[in-house]
């Protein structure tokens, strides 16, 4: 029985220990993604971050304006790439359509990032939530 078990060691063939460790790593990652985590300590305030980075009010306004322009530029790039994907769809280049749509998503993610940073500078508050950004920054609702 011992020789057969050494020859037919399926557990070693599939590297069971590594697969189990990787699966538990993925499960922990998904838990961090989808289950809200509680902050153990208060985050850094906006004023503390400005003081730590030695930023003046003019530099903040310049960064705010630059971030807004970048977000608009990324939205325009997304629209341009999307129209390019429609062109490829019309001519039947389906692989190019998929690549173009992925690039549209990348451009929209960058537009969101830059606009979120712009919103935090405009509100002078770090750690804004997605719903705050959506309600006040995108829709324009008042607090």
C-alpha atoms as a PDB file:
ATOM      1  CA  UNK A   1       0.000   0.000   0.000  1.00  0.00           C
ATOM      2  CA  UNK A   2       2.889   2.401   0.769  1.00  0.00           C
ATOM      3  CA  UNK A   3       4.465   2.157  -2.695  1.00  0.00           C
ATOM      4  CA  UNK A   4       1.147   2.697  -4.468  1.00  0.00           C
ATOM      5  CA  UNK A   5       0.439   5.732  -2.303  1.00  0.00           C
ATOM      6  CA  UNK A   6       3.845   7.222  -3.201  1.00  0.00           C
ATOM      7  CA  UNK A   7       3.312   6.603  -6.914  1.00  0.00           C
ATOM      8  CA  UNK A   8      -0.298   7.815  -7.024  1.00  0.00           C
ATOM      9  CA  UNK A   9       0.018  10.827  -4.731  1.00  0.00           C
ATOM     10  CA  UNK A  10      -2.787  12.930  -6.183  1.00  0.00           C
ATOM     11  CA  UNK A  11      -2.500  15.463  -3.368  1.00  0.00           C
ATOM     12  CA  UNK A  12       1.067  16.271  -4.448  1.00  0.00           C
ATOM     13  CA  UNK A  13       0.162  16.241  -8.144  1.00  0.00           C
ATOM     14  CA  UNK A  14      -2.399  18.991  -7.778  1.00  0.00           C
ATOM     15  CA  UNK A  15      -0.292  20.826  -5.174  1.00  0.00           C
ATOM     16  CA  UNK A  16      -3.222  20.779  -2.779  1.00  0.00           C
ATOM     17  CA  UNK A  17      -1.557  22.840  -0.041  1.00  0.00           C
ATOM     18  CA  UNK A  18      -0.741  25.713  -2.388  1.00  0.00           C
ATOM     19  CA  UNK A  19      -4.202  25.626  -3.974  1.00  0.00           C
ATOM     20  CA  UNK A  20      -5.828  25.719  -0.514  1.00  0.00           C
ATOM     21  CA  UNK A  21      -3.607  28.634   0.580  1.00  0.00           C
ATOM     22  CA  UNK A  22      -4.363  30.576  -2.612  1.00  0.00           C
ATOM     23  CA  UNK A  23      -8.094  29.924  -2.269  1.00  0.00           C
ATOM     24  CA  UNK A  24      -8.118  31.222   1.307  1.00  0.00           C
ATOM     25  CA  UNK A  25      -6.115  34.278   0.129  1.00  0.00           C
ATOM     26  CA  UNK A  26      -8.730  34.981  -2.566  1.00  0.00           C
ATOM     27  CA  UNK A  27     -11.593  34.514  -0.105  1.00  0.00           C
ATOM     28  CA  UNK A  28      -9.996  36.986   2.320  1.00  0.00           C
ATOM     29  CA  UNK A  29      -9.511  39.471  -0.537  1.00  0.00           C
ATOM     30  CA  UNK A  30     -13.159  39.229  -1.567  1.00  0.00           C
ATOM     31  CA  UNK A  31     -14.229  39.685   2.040  1.00  0.00           C
ATOM     32  CA  UNK A  32     -12.192  42.887   2.222  1.00  0.00           C
ATOM     33  CA  UNK A  33     -13.767  44.063  -1.038  1.00  0.00           C
ATOM     34  CA  UNK A  34     -17.406  43.399  -0.280  1.00  0.00           C
ATOM     35  CA  UNK A  35     -17.700  43.555   3.513  1.00  0.00           C
ATOM     36  CA  UNK A  36     -17.340  47.081   4.947  1.00  0.00           C
ATOM     37  CA  UNK A  37     -14.301  47.349   7.199  1.00  0.00           C
ATOM     38  CA  UNK A  38     -14.451  49.347  10.419  1.00  0.00           C
ATOM     39  CA  UNK A  39     -11.766  51.993  10.863  1.00  0.00           C
ATOM     40  CA  UNK A  40      -9.781  51.485  14.032  1.00  0.00           C
ATOM     41  CA  UNK A  41      -8.603  55.082  14.207  1.00  0.00           C
ATOM     42  CA  UNK A  42      -9.729  58.419  12.838  1.00  0.00           C
ATOM     43  CA  UNK A  43      -8.273  59.191   9.407  1.00  0.00           C
ATOM     44  CA  UNK A  44      -6.129  62.208   8.629  1.00  0.00           C
ATOM     45  CA  UNK A  45      -8.022  65.472   8.253  1.00  0.00           C
ATOM     46  CA  UNK A  46      -7.796  67.606   5.137  1.00  0.00           C
ATOM     47  CA  UNK A  47      -6.029  70.430   6.969  1.00  0.00           C
ATOM     48  CA  UNK A  48      -3.477  68.006   8.436  1.00  0.00           C
ATOM     49  CA  UNK A  49      -2.749  66.597   4.975  1.00  0.00           C
ATOM     50  CA  UNK A  50      -2.347  70.104   3.523  1.00  0.00           C
ATOM     51  CA  UNK A  51       0.030  71.031   6.349  1.00  0.00           C
ATOM     52  CA  UNK A  52       1.995  67.785   5.951  1.00  0.00           C
ATOM     53  CA  UNK A  53       2.450  68.407   2.213  1.00  0.00           C
ATOM     54  CA  UNK A  54       3.204  72.126   2.657  1.00  0.00           C
ATOM     55  CA  UNK A  55       0.550  73.191   0.131  1.00  0.00           C
ATOM     56  CA  UNK A  56      -0.592  76.774  -0.219  1.00  0.00           C
ATOM     57  CA  UNK A  57      -4.127  77.807  -1.148  1.00  0.00           C
ATOM     58  CA  UNK A  58      -2.974  78.744  -4.680  1.00  0.00           C
ATOM     59  CA  UNK A  59      -1.421  75.301  -5.156  1.00  0.00           C
ATOM     60  CA  UNK A  60      -4.634  73.659  -3.947  1.00  0.00           C
ATOM     61  CA  UNK A  61      -6.701  75.681  -6.406  1.00  0.00           C
ATOM     62  CA  UNK A  62      -4.278  74.835  -9.229  1.00  0.00           C
ATOM     63  CA  UNK A  63      -4.465  71.125  -8.385  1.00  0.00           C
ATOM     64  CA  UNK A  64      -8.255  71.299  -8.160  1.00  0.00           C
ATOM     65  CA  UNK A  65      -8.467  72.916 -11.594  1.00  0.00           C
ATOM     66  CA  UNK A  66      -5.973  70.440 -13.083  1.00  0.00           C
ATOM     67  CA  UNK A  67      -7.857  67.440 -11.674  1.00  0.00           C
ATOM     68  CA  UNK A  68     -11.139  68.723 -13.078  1.00  0.00           C
ATOM     69  CA  UNK A  69      -9.556  69.221 -16.514  1.00  0.00           C
ATOM     70  CA  UNK A  70      -8.074  65.714 -16.366  1.00  0.00           C
ATOM     71  CA  UNK A  71     -11.453  64.197 -15.502  1.00  0.00           C
ATOM     72  CA  UNK A  72     -13.107  66.012 -18.418  1.00  0.00           C
ATOM     73  CA  UNK A  73     -10.265  64.953 -20.732  1.00  0.00           C
ATOM     74  CA  UNK A  74     -10.680  61.313 -19.690  1.00  0.00           C
ATOM     75  CA  UNK A  75     -14.433  61.517 -20.332  1.00  0.00           C
ATOM     76  CA  UNK A  76     -13.768  62.943 -23.795  1.00  0.00           C
ATOM     77  CA  UNK A  77     -11.206  60.198 -24.430  1.00  0.00           C
ATOM     78  CA  UNK A  78     -13.792  57.606 -23.367  1.00  0.00           C
ATOM     79  CA  UNK A  79     -16.345  59.061 -25.791  1.00  0.00           C
ATOM     80  CA  UNK A  80     -13.764  59.082 -28.593  1.00  0.00           C
ATOM     81  CA  UNK A  81     -12.668  55.512 -27.938  1.00  0.00           C
ATOM     82  CA  UNK A  82     -16.299  54.404 -27.696  1.00  0.00           C
ATOM     83  CA  UNK A  83     -17.045  55.915 -31.108  1.00  0.00           C
ATOM     84  CA  UNK A  84     -13.947  54.135 -32.418  1.00  0.00           C
ATOM     85  CA  UNK A  85     -15.320  50.858 -31.048  1.00  0.00           C
ATOM     86  CA  UNK A  86     -18.604  51.494 -32.896  1.00  0.00           C
ATOM     87  CA  UNK A  87     -16.558  51.996 -36.074  1.00  0.00           C
ATOM     88  CA  UNK A  88     -14.910  48.611 -35.495  1.00  0.00           C
ATOM     89  CA  UNK A  89     -18.268  47.025 -34.743  1.00  0.00           C
ATOM     90  CA  UNK A  90     -19.594  48.319 -38.064  1.00  0.00           C
ATOM     91  CA  UNK A  91     -16.664  46.787 -39.957  1.00  0.00           C
ATOM     92  CA  UNK A  92     -16.762  43.507 -38.039  1.00  0.00           C
ATOM     93  CA  UNK A  93     -13.509  43.693 -36.062  1.00  0.00           C
ATOM     94  CA  UNK A  94     -14.900  42.162 -32.902  1.00  0.00           C
ATOM     95  CA  UNK A  95     -11.547  41.767 -31.151  1.00  0.00           C
ATOM     96  CA  UNK A  96     -10.874  45.457 -31.677  1.00  0.00           C
ATOM     97  CA  UNK A  97     -14.326  46.233 -30.259  1.00  0.00           C
ATOM     98  CA  UNK A  98     -13.502  44.315 -27.083  1.00  0.00           C
ATOM     99  CA  UNK A  99     -10.130  46.035 -26.720  1.00  0.00           C
ATOM    100  CA  UNK A 100     -11.721  49.430 -27.348  1.00  0.00           C
ATOM    101  CA  UNK A 101     -14.423  48.822 -24.752  1.00  0.00           C
ATOM    102  CA  UNK A 102     -11.784  47.828 -22.200  1.00  0.00           C
ATOM    103  CA  UNK A 103      -9.972  51.084 -22.950  1.00  0.00           C
ATOM    104  CA  UNK A 104     -13.253  52.971 -22.501  1.00  0.00           C
ATOM    105  CA  UNK A 105     -13.604  51.415 -19.050  1.00  0.00           C
ATOM    106  CA  UNK A 106     -10.021  52.364 -18.169  1.00  0.00           C
ATOM    107  CA  UNK A 107     -10.633  55.957 -19.278  1.00  0.00           C
ATOM    108  CA  UNK A 108     -13.844  56.124 -17.233  1.00  0.00           C
ATOM    109  CA  UNK A 109     -12.089  54.744 -14.153  1.00  0.00           C
ATOM    110  CA  UNK A 110      -9.416  57.418 -14.507  1.00  0.00           C
ATOM    111  CA  UNK A 111     -12.096  60.078 -14.984  1.00  0.00           C
ATOM    112  CA  UNK A 112     -13.780  58.900 -11.781  1.00  0.00           C
ATOM    113  CA  UNK A 113     -10.480  58.938  -9.881  1.00  0.00           C
ATOM    114  CA  UNK A 114      -9.571  62.459 -10.946  1.00  0.00           C
ATOM    115  CA  UNK A 115     -13.062  63.809 -10.337  1.00  0.00           C
ATOM    116  CA  UNK A 116     -13.197  62.152  -6.896  1.00  0.00           C
ATOM    117  CA  UNK A 117      -9.903  63.809  -5.938  1.00  0.00           C
ATOM    118  CA  UNK A 118     -11.236  67.116  -7.294  1.00  0.00           C
ATOM    119  CA  UNK A 119     -14.389  66.671  -5.193  1.00  0.00           C
ATOM    120  CA  UNK A 120     -12.373  66.013  -2.036  1.00  0.00           C
ATOM    121  CA  UNK A 121     -10.335  69.186  -2.572  1.00  0.00           C
ATOM    122  CA  UNK A 122     -13.496  71.167  -3.350  1.00  0.00           C
ATOM    123  CA  UNK A 123     -15.227  69.890  -0.199  1.00  0.00           C
ATOM    124  CA  UNK A 124     -11.989  70.150   1.819  1.00  0.00           C
ATOM    125  CA  UNK A 125     -12.662  66.718   3.274  1.00  0.00           C
ATOM    126  CA  UNK A 126     -10.697  63.487   2.992  1.00  0.00           C
ATOM    127  CA  UNK A 127     -12.433  60.138   3.018  1.00  0.00           C
ATOM    128  CA  UNK A 128     -15.596  61.112   1.172  1.00  0.00           C
ATOM    129  CA  UNK A 129     -17.855  58.180   0.388  1.00  0.00           C
ATOM    130  CA  UNK A 130     -18.937  57.113  -3.067  1.00  0.00           C
ATOM    131  CA  UNK A 131     -22.526  58.106  -2.313  1.00  0.00           C
ATOM    132  CA  UNK A 132     -21.419  61.603  -1.208  1.00  0.00           C
ATOM    133  CA  UNK A 133     -19.457  62.011  -4.430  1.00  0.00           C
ATOM    134  CA  UNK A 134     -22.401  60.791  -6.498  1.00  0.00           C
ATOM    135  CA  UNK A 135     -25.028  62.939  -4.766  1.00  0.00           C
ATOM    136  CA  UNK A 136     -23.081  66.162  -4.299  1.00  0.00           C
ATOM    137  CA  UNK A 137     -20.280  65.969  -6.841  1.00  0.00           C
ATOM    138  CA  UNK A 138     -22.018  64.427  -9.815  1.00  0.00           C
ATOM    139  CA  UNK A 139     -25.725  65.198  -9.373  1.00  0.00           C
ATOM    140  CA  UNK A 140     -25.140  68.539  -7.671  1.00  0.00           C
ATOM    141  CA  UNK A 141     -27.457  68.015  -4.699  1.00  0.00           C
ATOM    142  CA  UNK A 142     -26.967  70.238  -1.686  1.00  0.00           C
ATOM    143  CA  UNK A 143     -26.104  68.797   1.713  1.00  0.00           C
END
